[in-house]
Protein backbone atom coordinates (compact mmCIF):
# COMPACT_ATOMS: atom_id res chain seq x y z
CA GLN A 1 12.51 49.31 64.88
CA ALA A 2 12.28 45.56 64.27
CA THR A 3 10.42 44.77 67.50
CA GLY A 4 7.18 42.83 67.01
CA ARG A 5 5.65 43.88 63.70
CA GLY A 6 7.49 47.21 63.73
CA ALA A 7 8.08 49.94 66.30
CA HIS A 8 8.82 53.65 66.62
CA VAL A 9 12.43 54.67 67.29
CA ILE A 10 12.56 57.67 69.64
CA ALA A 11 15.98 58.06 71.28
CA GLY A 12 19.30 56.37 71.87
CA THR A 13 22.07 56.05 74.43
CA ALA A 14 25.81 55.75 73.78
CA ALA A 15 28.85 54.82 75.86
CA TYR A 16 32.57 54.28 75.42
CA CYS A 17 35.14 52.33 77.46
CA VAL A 18 38.76 52.74 76.38
CA GLY A 19 42.27 52.37 77.76
CA ASN A 20 44.33 55.12 79.36
CA LEU A 21 43.88 58.23 77.23
CA ARG A 22 47.51 59.47 77.48
CA ILE A 23 46.55 62.96 76.30
CA PRO A 24 49.70 64.77 75.04
CA GLY A 25 50.81 67.40 77.55
CA TYR A 26 48.33 66.18 80.17
CA LYS A 27 49.96 63.45 82.25
CA LEU A 28 47.79 61.76 84.85
CA PRO A 29 49.42 60.09 87.87
CA TRP A 30 47.72 56.70 87.37
CA GLU A 31 48.78 56.27 83.73
CA ASP A 32 51.69 53.80 83.50
CA GLU A 33 54.23 55.03 80.95
CA SER A 34 55.70 51.52 80.59
CA PHE A 35 52.52 50.22 78.95
CA GLU A 36 52.86 49.39 75.26
CA TYR A 37 50.06 49.59 72.71
CA PRO A 38 49.55 47.81 69.36
CA ASN A 39 50.61 49.89 66.37
CA ASN A 40 47.85 48.41 64.21
CA LEU A 41 45.02 49.56 66.50
CA ALA A 42 43.62 53.02 67.11
CA SER A 43 44.79 54.61 70.35
CA PRO A 44 42.34 54.95 73.28
CA LEU A 45 42.26 58.74 72.78
CA GLN A 46 41.54 58.35 69.07
CA ILE A 47 38.74 55.87 69.82
CA GLU A 48 37.22 58.16 72.47
CA ILE A 49 37.10 61.05 70.01
CA GLU A 50 36.33 59.36 66.71
CA ALA A 51 33.91 56.68 67.93
CA SER A 52 31.82 59.34 69.64
CA ASN A 53 32.08 61.49 66.50
CA GLY A 54 30.71 58.60 64.47
CA ALA A 55 27.85 57.81 66.84
CA SER A 56 26.93 61.49 67.10
CA ASP A 57 27.09 62.01 63.35
CA TYR A 58 24.93 58.95 62.64
CA GLY A 59 22.36 59.97 65.24
CA ASN A 60 22.24 63.53 63.92
CA LYS A 61 21.71 62.38 60.32
CA PHE A 62 19.25 59.62 61.16
CA GLY A 63 17.26 61.84 63.49
CA GLU A 64 17.75 59.85 66.69
CA PRO A 65 18.78 61.99 69.68
CA VAL A 66 21.42 60.61 72.06
CA ILE A 67 20.01 61.40 75.50
CA GLN A 68 22.14 59.34 77.88
CA GLY A 69 25.43 57.51 78.22
CA PHE A 70 28.72 57.13 80.04
CA THR A 71 32.43 56.85 79.33
CA ARG A 72 35.39 55.29 81.10
CA ALA A 73 39.15 55.14 80.58
CA PHE A 74 41.08 52.51 82.52
CA GLY A 75 44.44 50.74 82.48
CA MET A 76 46.09 49.19 85.54
CA ARG A 77 48.68 46.67 86.67
CA LEU A 78 47.06 44.33 89.20
CA PRO A 79 48.85 43.00 92.33
CA ASP A 80 49.60 39.70 90.56
CA GLY A 81 51.33 41.57 87.72
CA GLU A 82 48.51 41.17 85.20
CA ARG A 83 47.64 44.20 83.09
CA ARG A 84 43.96 45.06 82.63
CA GLU A 85 42.92 47.69 80.12
CA TRP A 86 40.30 48.34 77.46
CA ILE A 87 42.74 47.85 74.58
CA LYS A 88 39.78 46.14 72.94
CA PRO A 89 37.28 48.92 73.61
CA ILE A 90 33.56 49.04 74.20
CA MET A 91 31.34 51.16 71.97
CA PHE A 92 27.90 50.64 73.51
CA THR A 93 24.58 51.85 72.16
CA ALA A 94 20.98 51.25 73.16
CA GLY A 95 17.65 52.64 72.15
CA ILE A 96 14.22 53.37 73.52
CA GLY A 97 10.98 53.67 71.61
CA GLN A 98 7.35 52.60 71.63
CA MET A 99 5.01 50.37 69.71
CA ASP A 100 1.32 49.84 69.08
CA ALA A 101 -0.10 47.09 71.29
CA LYS A 102 -1.61 45.51 68.17
CA HIS A 103 1.90 44.92 66.82
CA ILE A 104 3.56 43.32 69.85
CA GLU A 105 3.63 39.74 68.57
CA LYS A 106 5.32 38.75 65.33
CA GLY A 107 3.14 36.68 63.04
CA GLN A 108 4.07 33.10 62.13
CA PRO A 109 5.29 32.34 58.59
CA GLU A 110 2.57 30.76 56.44
CA LYS A 111 2.80 29.12 53.05
CA GLY A 112 2.66 31.70 50.27
CA MET A 113 3.94 34.67 52.30
CA LEU A 114 6.58 36.82 50.60
CA VAL A 115 10.08 36.97 52.05
CA THR A 116 11.08 40.59 51.63
CA LYS A 117 14.30 42.59 52.03
CA ILE A 118 14.32 46.35 52.50
CA GLY A 119 17.23 48.77 52.81
CA GLY A 120 20.62 49.37 51.26
CA PRO A 121 22.20 47.11 48.63
CA ALA A 122 24.75 44.41 49.44
CA TYR A 123 28.45 45.27 49.50
CA ARG A 124 31.60 43.47 50.61
CA ILE A 125 31.31 44.88 54.13
CA GLY A 126 30.50 43.21 57.41
CA MET A 127 31.79 39.95 55.93
CA GLY A 128 32.44 37.63 58.86
CA GLY A 129 31.65 40.44 61.29
CA GLY A 130 30.10 38.16 63.89
CA ALA A 131 33.09 35.81 63.87
CA ALA A 132 35.62 38.67 63.87
CA SER A 133 33.99 40.42 66.82
CA SER A 134 34.02 37.11 68.72
CA MET A 135 37.79 36.77 68.44
CA ILE A 136 40.49 38.19 70.67
CA GLN A 137 41.72 41.36 68.97
CA GLY A 138 44.88 40.44 67.09
CA GLU A 139 44.02 36.80 66.32
CA ASN A 140 42.62 37.69 62.91
CA ILE A 141 44.54 39.00 59.90
CA ALA A 142 44.14 42.70 59.14
CA GLU A 143 42.32 42.26 55.80
CA LEU A 144 39.63 40.09 57.38
CA ASP A 145 39.19 42.60 60.21
CA PHE A 146 38.80 45.42 57.66
CA ASN A 147 36.16 43.52 55.64
CA ALA A 148 34.30 42.65 58.86
CA VAL A 149 33.83 46.27 59.93
CA GLN A 150 30.49 47.93 59.21
CA ARG A 151 30.03 51.17 57.27
CA GLY A 152 26.92 53.06 58.27
CA ASP A 153 24.57 54.95 55.96
CA ALA A 154 22.36 57.16 58.11
CA GLU A 155 20.40 58.51 55.13
CA MET A 156 19.38 54.99 54.13
CA GLU A 157 18.43 54.22 57.73
CA GLN A 158 16.23 57.31 57.82
CA LYS A 159 14.42 56.32 54.63
CA LEU A 160 14.02 52.71 55.77
CA ASN A 161 12.64 53.92 59.09
CA ARG A 162 10.05 56.09 57.33
CA VAL A 163 8.73 53.03 55.50
CA ILE A 164 8.47 51.04 58.74
CA ARG A 165 6.75 53.97 60.42
CA ALA A 166 4.27 54.33 57.56
CA CYS A 167 3.44 50.63 57.81
CA ILE A 168 2.80 50.62 61.55
CA GLU A 169 0.76 53.82 61.36
CA LEU A 170 -1.70 51.86 59.22
CA GLY A 171 -2.68 50.12 62.45
CA SER A 172 -4.63 46.93 61.76
CA ASP A 173 -3.76 47.23 58.06
CA ASN A 174 -0.01 47.04 58.76
CA PRO A 175 1.36 44.93 55.90
CA ILE A 176 4.29 43.66 58.01
CA ILE A 177 3.61 40.21 59.50
CA SER A 178 7.10 39.84 60.96
CA ILE A 179 10.29 41.90 60.83
CA HIS A 180 13.89 41.05 61.76
CA ASP A 181 16.89 43.38 61.76
CA GLN A 182 19.85 42.11 59.74
CA GLY A 183 22.91 41.56 61.91
CA ALA A 184 25.87 39.21 62.09
CA GLY A 185 25.75 36.61 59.34
CA GLY A 186 23.76 38.84 57.01
CA ASN A 187 21.13 37.18 54.84
CA CYS A 188 22.12 33.65 55.82
CA ASN A 189 21.12 34.43 59.40
CA VAL A 190 18.22 36.87 59.19
CA VAL A 191 16.41 35.04 56.38
CA LYS A 192 16.49 31.62 58.02
CA GLU A 193 15.33 33.16 61.32
CA ILE A 194 12.30 34.88 59.82
CA ILE A 195 11.18 31.82 57.82
CA TYR A 196 11.60 29.31 60.68
CA PRO A 197 9.97 26.81 61.10
CA ALA A 198 7.99 26.92 57.85
CA GLY A 199 10.86 27.10 55.36
CA ALA A 200 11.18 29.02 52.09
CA LYS A 201 12.73 29.05 48.65
CA ILE A 202 14.97 32.09 48.15
CA GLU A 203 16.31 33.42 44.84
CA ILE A 204 19.71 34.91 45.62
CA ARG A 205 19.84 37.00 42.44
CA LYS A 206 16.80 38.96 43.63
CA ILE A 207 18.86 40.37 46.52
CA GLN A 208 19.88 43.86 45.46
CA ILE A 209 23.64 44.36 45.24
CA GLY A 210 25.84 47.42 44.89
CA ASP A 211 28.92 45.54 43.68
CA ASN A 212 28.70 43.15 40.72
CA THR A 213 31.88 41.34 41.79
CA LEU A 214 30.24 39.83 44.88
CA SER A 215 30.27 36.05 45.07
CA VAL A 216 27.25 34.02 46.17
CA LEU A 217 28.95 33.51 49.54
CA GLU A 218 29.42 37.25 50.00
CA ILE A 219 25.86 38.13 49.00
CA TRP A 220 24.56 35.51 51.41
CA GLY A 221 26.92 36.23 54.32
CA ALA A 222 27.80 39.94 54.33
CA GLU A 223 26.25 41.98 57.15
CA TYR A 224 25.85 45.23 55.19
CA GLN A 225 23.90 47.67 57.36
CA GLU A 226 20.49 49.36 57.12
CA GLN A 227 18.72 46.14 56.13
CA ASN A 228 15.63 44.38 57.45
CA ALA A 229 13.93 41.14 56.47
CA LEU A 230 10.13 41.04 56.49
CA LEU A 231 7.23 38.68 55.89
CA ILE A 232 4.36 40.15 53.88
CA LYS A 233 1.16 38.58 52.61
CA PRO A 234 0.84 38.71 48.79
CA ASP A 235 -2.32 40.83 48.93
CA LYS A 236 -0.38 43.53 50.85
CA ALA A 237 2.59 43.61 48.47
CA ASP A 238 1.26 46.50 46.38
CA ILE A 239 0.83 48.91 49.30
CA PHE A 240 4.26 47.98 50.68
CA GLU A 241 5.84 48.54 47.28
CA GLU A 242 4.08 51.90 47.00
CA LEU A 243 5.49 53.03 50.37
CA CYS A 244 9.02 51.95 49.43
CA ARG A 245 8.88 53.79 46.11
CA ARG A 246 7.53 56.89 47.84
CA GLU A 247 10.49 56.94 50.23
CA LYS A 248 12.96 55.83 47.51
CA VAL A 249 14.09 52.79 49.50
CA PRO A 250 15.49 49.71 47.72
CA PHE A 251 13.35 46.62 48.30
CA SER A 252 12.94 43.17 46.80
CA PHE A 253 10.69 40.14 47.19
CA ILE A 254 13.42 37.51 47.35
CA GLY A 255 11.38 34.38 47.98
CA GLN A 256 8.24 32.70 49.26
CA ILE A 257 7.34 30.57 52.26
CA THR A 258 7.03 26.93 51.18
CA GLY A 259 5.90 25.21 54.38
CA ASP A 260 8.26 22.24 53.91
CA GLY A 261 10.67 23.25 56.70
CA TYR A 262 13.65 23.68 54.37
CA ILE A 263 15.62 26.75 53.34
CA ILE A 264 16.58 26.43 49.69
CA LEU A 265 18.79 29.10 48.16
CA HIS A 266 18.48 29.06 44.38
CA ASP A 267 20.80 30.70 41.86
CA GLU A 268 18.95 31.38 38.60
CA THR A 269 22.19 32.08 36.71
CA ASN A 270 23.21 28.41 36.69
CA GLY A 271 20.27 26.58 38.28
CA SER A 272 22.27 25.52 41.34
CA ALA A 273 21.12 25.44 44.96
CA PRO A 274 24.07 26.63 47.11
CA VAL A 275 22.00 26.08 50.28
CA ASN A 276 19.50 23.28 50.95
CA LEU A 277 19.05 22.74 54.67
CA ASP A 278 16.48 21.37 57.11
CA LEU A 279 15.76 24.34 59.40
CA GLU A 280 14.96 22.11 62.35
CA LYS A 281 18.50 20.76 62.33
CA ILE A 282 20.09 24.22 62.50
CA LEU A 283 17.54 26.22 64.51
CA GLY A 284 15.49 23.59 66.29
CA ASP A 285 16.15 21.60 69.43
CA MET A 286 19.91 21.97 69.52
CA PRO A 287 21.90 20.08 72.19
CA GLN A 288 23.10 22.16 75.11
CA LYS A 289 26.80 22.88 75.23
CA THR A 290 28.66 22.18 78.46
CA PHE A 291 31.39 24.61 79.51
CA ARG A 292 34.01 23.47 82.01
CA LEU A 293 35.27 26.63 83.63
CA GLU A 294 38.37 27.28 85.69
CA ARG A 295 37.96 29.44 88.78
CA ILE A 296 40.97 31.65 89.55
CA GLN A 297 40.84 33.72 92.73
CA PRO A 298 42.25 37.23 92.31
CA LYS A 299 45.23 38.27 94.36
CA LEU A 300 44.00 41.08 96.61
CA GLU A 301 45.88 43.56 98.78
CA PRO A 302 44.59 45.86 101.55
CA LEU A 303 43.69 49.37 100.46
CA LYS A 304 46.52 51.78 101.25
CA PHE A 305 46.39 55.52 100.76
CA PRO A 306 49.67 57.35 100.12
CA ASP A 307 50.81 59.24 103.22
CA SER A 308 51.41 62.35 101.13
CA ILE A 309 47.88 62.66 99.72
CA ASN A 310 45.27 64.92 101.31
CA VAL A 311 41.54 65.35 100.67
CA ARG A 312 42.04 68.17 98.17
CA ASP A 313 44.55 66.16 96.14
CA ALA A 314 42.29 63.10 96.22
CA LEU A 315 39.32 65.16 95.04
CA ASP A 316 41.45 66.67 92.28
CA ARG A 317 42.33 63.18 91.03
CA VAL A 318 38.73 61.97 91.13
CA LEU A 319 37.51 64.96 89.16
CA ARG A 320 40.14 64.28 86.49
CA LEU A 321 38.64 60.85 85.78
CA VAL A 322 36.83 60.99 82.45
CA SER A 323 34.07 58.90 84.06
CA VAL A 324 33.50 61.67 86.63
CA GLY A 325 34.35 64.95 84.92
CA SER A 326 32.32 66.97 82.44
CA LYS A 327 30.95 65.15 79.40
CA ARG A 328 30.51 68.29 77.32
CA PHE A 329 32.98 66.91 74.77
CA LEU A 330 30.38 64.21 74.11
CA THR A 331 27.08 66.08 74.49
CA ASN A 332 27.90 69.33 72.69
CA LYS A 333 28.31 67.62 69.31
CA VAL A 334 25.14 65.54 69.24
CA ASP A 335 21.47 66.40 68.96
CA ARG A 336 19.66 65.72 72.24
CA SER A 337 16.16 66.99 71.43
CA VAL A 338 15.17 66.10 67.85
CA THR A 339 11.68 64.52 67.55
CA GLY A 340 10.25 66.95 70.11
CA LEU A 341 9.61 63.99 72.40
CA ILE A 342 12.58 64.43 74.75
CA ALA A 343 11.45 65.51 78.21
CA ARG A 344 14.83 65.07 79.96
CA GLN A 345 18.29 64.58 78.50
CA GLN A 346 21.84 64.67 79.95
CA CYS A 347 22.18 68.42 80.44
CA ALA A 348 20.43 70.18 83.31
CA GLY A 349 20.10 73.69 84.70
CA PRO A 350 20.85 77.09 83.17
CA LEU A 351 24.49 76.11 82.54
CA HIS A 352 23.51 72.85 80.81
CA LEU A 353 25.70 70.77 83.10
CA THR A 354 26.00 67.10 82.10
CA VAL A 355 24.70 65.78 85.41
CA SER A 356 21.26 64.26 84.81
CA ASP A 357 21.00 60.67 86.06
CA VAL A 358 17.84 59.77 84.16
CA ALA A 359 16.50 60.39 80.66
CA VAL A 360 12.79 60.74 79.92
CA ILE A 361 10.82 60.60 76.68
CA ALA A 362 7.22 61.54 75.94
CA GLN A 363 4.80 59.23 74.15
CA SER A 364 3.35 62.08 72.11
CA HIS A 365 3.46 65.85 71.73
CA PHE A 366 0.06 66.21 73.37
CA GLY A 367 0.14 64.22 76.61
CA LEU A 368 2.18 63.80 79.79
CA THR A 369 2.78 60.04 79.71
CA GLY A 370 6.12 58.64 78.66
CA ALA A 371 9.04 56.50 79.74
CA ALA A 372 12.25 56.84 81.76
CA ILE A 373 15.58 55.15 81.12
CA SER A 374 18.75 54.90 83.20
CA ILE A 375 22.10 53.13 83.06
CA GLY A 376 24.09 51.26 85.70
CA GLU A 377 27.63 49.87 85.27
CA GLN A 378 30.45 49.17 87.73
CA PRO A 379 33.12 47.32 85.72
CA ILE A 380 36.15 48.00 87.93
CA LYS A 381 34.50 46.01 90.74
CA THR A 382 34.79 42.89 88.55
CA LEU A 383 38.52 42.82 89.28
CA ILE A 384 37.68 42.12 92.94
CA ASN A 385 34.21 40.56 93.05
CA PRO A 386 32.11 39.96 89.89
CA SER A 387 29.01 39.15 91.98
CA ALA A 388 29.22 42.51 93.72
CA MET A 389 29.75 44.17 90.35
CA ALA A 390 26.45 42.77 89.05
CA ARG A 391 24.50 43.82 92.15
CA LEU A 392 26.02 47.31 92.19
CA SER A 393 25.27 47.78 88.49
CA VAL A 394 21.60 47.07 89.18
CA GLY A 395 21.75 49.36 92.21
CA GLU A 396 23.17 52.22 90.18
CA ALA A 397 20.54 51.82 87.46
CA LEU A 398 17.77 51.92 90.09
CA THR A 399 19.16 54.88 92.04
CA ASN A 400 19.42 56.73 88.73
CA ILE A 401 15.88 56.01 87.54
CA VAL A 402 14.25 57.06 90.84
CA TRP A 403 14.61 60.74 89.88
CA ALA A 404 11.74 60.31 87.42
CA LYS A 405 8.24 59.42 88.57
CA ILE A 406 7.67 55.90 87.25
CA SER A 407 4.52 53.80 87.47
CA ALA A 408 5.88 51.13 89.87
CA LEU A 409 9.08 49.29 90.78
CA GLU A 410 7.78 46.04 89.30
CA ASP A 411 7.24 47.81 85.96
CA ILE A 412 11.00 48.27 85.54
CA LYS A 413 12.50 46.12 82.81
CA CYS A 414 16.20 45.91 82.03
CA SER A 415 18.48 45.18 79.15
CA GLY A 416 21.76 43.53 80.12
CA ASN A 417 24.87 43.83 77.98
CA TRP A 418 27.85 41.64 78.89
CA MET A 419 31.42 42.38 77.78
CA LEU A 420 34.06 39.99 79.17
CA ALA A 421 36.98 37.86 77.99
CA ALA A 422 35.00 34.73 78.92
CA LYS A 423 37.04 32.40 76.72
CA LEU A 424 40.24 32.98 78.69
CA PRO A 425 41.19 31.12 81.91
CA GLY A 426 39.21 32.25 84.94
CA GLU A 427 36.99 34.69 83.08
CA GLY A 428 34.15 32.27 82.29
CA ALA A 429 33.69 31.58 86.00
CA ARG A 430 33.58 35.34 86.64
CA LEU A 431 30.81 35.65 84.06
CA TYR A 432 28.89 32.80 85.70
CA ASP A 433 29.20 34.34 89.18
CA ALA A 434 28.01 37.71 87.90
CA ALA A 435 25.06 36.15 86.05
CA VAL A 436 23.93 34.21 89.14
CA ALA A 437 24.19 37.35 91.28
CA LEU A 438 22.20 39.33 88.70
CA ARG A 439 19.46 36.70 88.67
CA ASP A 440 19.24 36.62 92.46
CA ILE A 441 19.12 40.39 92.99
CA MET A 442 16.44 40.84 90.33
CA LEU A 443 14.29 38.11 91.86
CA LYS A 444 14.54 39.83 95.24
CA LEU A 445 13.66 43.22 93.80
CA GLY A 446 10.84 41.97 91.59
CA ILE A 447 12.25 43.48 88.40
CA ALA A 448 13.06 41.68 85.16
CA ILE A 449 15.67 41.51 82.45
CA ASP A 450 14.11 41.15 79.01
CA GLY A 451 17.00 41.33 76.56
CA GLY A 452 20.57 42.29 75.87
CA LYS A 453 23.66 41.24 73.97
CA ASP A 454 27.13 40.00 74.73
CA SER A 455 30.72 40.22 73.56
CA LEU A 456 32.75 37.51 75.27
CA SER A 457 36.13 38.03 73.62
CA MET A 458 37.14 41.27 75.33
CA ALA A 459 40.91 40.96 75.08
CA ALA A 460 43.62 42.19 72.73
CA ILE A 461 47.03 40.84 71.79
CA ILE A 462 49.96 43.24 71.96
CA PRO A 463 52.69 41.83 69.68
CA LYS A 464 56.12 41.29 71.20
CA SER A 465 58.43 44.27 70.86
CA SER A 466 61.95 44.19 69.50
CA GLY A 467 63.81 43.59 72.72
CA GLY A 468 61.48 45.39 75.10
CA SER A 469 60.23 43.82 78.29
CA ARG A 470 57.06 44.05 80.30
CA ARG A 471 56.59 43.82 84.01
CA GLY A 472 54.29 40.94 84.88
CA ASP A 473 55.03 39.11 81.63
CA SER A 474 56.24 35.55 82.02
CA SER A 475 58.36 35.99 78.90
CA PRO A 476 59.41 39.38 77.52
CA THR A 477 59.65 37.85 74.05
CA CYS A 478 56.03 36.62 73.98
CA ASP A 479 52.94 38.43 72.76
CA LEU A 480 50.98 39.94 75.63
CA THR A 481 47.24 39.32 75.98
CA VAL A 482 45.53 42.20 77.78
CA LYS A 483 42.02 41.51 79.06
CA SER A 484 39.47 44.28 79.39
CA PRO A 485 37.72 44.72 82.75
CA GLY A 486 34.59 42.55 82.81
CA THR A 487 31.62 44.80 82.13
CA LEU A 488 27.86 44.49 82.63
CA VAL A 489 25.76 47.43 81.47
CA ILE A 490 22.22 47.51 82.86
CA SER A 491 19.79 49.75 80.98
CA ALA A 492 16.63 50.09 83.07
CA TYR A 493 13.39 51.51 81.70
CA ALA A 494 9.85 52.02 82.94
CA THR A 495 6.68 53.88 82.05
CA CYS A 496 6.08 57.39 83.43
CA PRO A 497 2.58 58.64 84.27
CA ASP A 498 3.81 62.26 84.30
CA ILE A 499 6.97 63.26 82.43
CA THR A 500 7.09 66.64 84.17
CA LYS A 501 7.89 64.96 87.49
CA VAL A 502 11.68 64.74 87.13
CA ILE A 503 14.37 65.84 89.60
CA THR A 504 17.78 66.94 88.36
CA PRO A 505 20.93 67.29 90.54
CA ASP A 506 21.76 70.87 89.58
CA ILE A 507 21.65 73.56 92.28
CA LYS A 508 18.39 75.45 91.88
CA LYS A 509 19.11 78.46 94.13
CA PRO A 510 22.81 79.39 94.17
CA GLY A 511 23.83 80.65 97.59
CA LYS A 512 20.62 79.41 99.20
CA SER A 513 20.34 75.72 98.31
CA ARG A 514 21.55 73.16 100.84
CA LEU A 515 23.30 69.90 100.01
CA LEU A 516 22.31 66.84 102.04
CA PHE A 517 24.32 63.64 102.40
CA ILE A 518 22.08 60.58 102.68
CA ASP A 519 23.98 57.38 103.43
CA LEU A 520 22.07 54.91 101.26
CA GLY A 521 24.72 52.27 101.95
CA ASN A 522 24.15 52.47 105.71
CA GLY A 523 27.88 52.61 106.35
CA LYS A 524 28.81 50.04 103.70
CA ASN A 525 30.57 52.47 101.41
CA ARG A 526 32.09 50.09 98.89
CA LEU A 527 34.84 51.16 96.54
């Protein structure tokens, strides 16, 4: 939505990584009953159900179909006694859309341009969200965690999106010069980004609020959702205002570009200037930070299969993995076709089996061109070899996208999302090794990574119990820090010349179809 000078949102993807589900009455042989879980955090099962409910509900109300995703549940004691589990979970989303070529590049701020905010009013939510999400779960106090959590308003997002769409459909007359989505840090981040390097004077009391008890700090720092910052030329203000009033979206012209390189936040109630900063000193040529990382080699043991297990039992266990089994519990509750531009979603065949490896969207309702998107992720491999994990994640994304006819291999672009406990001993080096391997494999393949995000505090603290003990804990009376498996999610996308050319893995002729095994690994069948 906030790409370039505005873009069309078409579809989204969603994924969830949680700890062992421990479903009541459904014991799985790999779930360790000795594992303890924090009482102040939602259980993995609760997260799996309610997080997906929230994502589905938001997508349904906003009008964005969820057409792809994955889910994993994992908790394990490693050979060295360390416990790895997604106690701090992953709730991953991504999106795919399209934009007018005329709107690819954001315009530069020029003196006199209006700094504009559009979307919902400010509340005491998302306060310190960026800092809270960058901490190990359990380091913060509960009240700060609660205030840091976002509360979504899909109706407001829908109305805001209609204004953006109306602007970009004006083509060359698009009033938006630049647009930034509000994220962590709220106004104090998004405003200074959109006015850099020119500078601006901002009137904080022109920011619309929904709670009169908010302090200046909270108005300036809260991350309240469904908000964008824009730059608009004064002669285009009337048409922008008309569009906002038509869609009943709150908006405000909160300041003006000054050209002096400073961000000055003014408070008209008392004449003070709570912020007066040289933008170059906070966004300019910042010194590089040097990280000194500790490399810790994992303790590995040879793979041993239990003597008592046979092929049928092994298959039964594999099919019980939530990452392998049916995803109907995720797909049946979310719209996968709204917009009329979805050419291929998760479900395939007459039984609507959740087996499709690629998702495809159309550019319009009247042509056959579009785009394909796929996902690759192999987080459990990180426990053994983070470099292999990165390469295999790319490999999975590519072997998933091949089932749609794309324009060319070199047209594939990727988004990379990193989720590791990089601040803890040994984990930063794992991140580095994975990043180097990702760079090398993409150079060899001729594909590119063009964006992504990271969460590098993927660990949770389990408070010490009253007299309990834990295997692998150096002290049974100490809090236990449980790191999540290091995760890299590769979302690959490319243009499609013909959206009807898609192959799905459902059996087309029951009783007559033949299944072929093609050894793409050439004997190197890695676990």
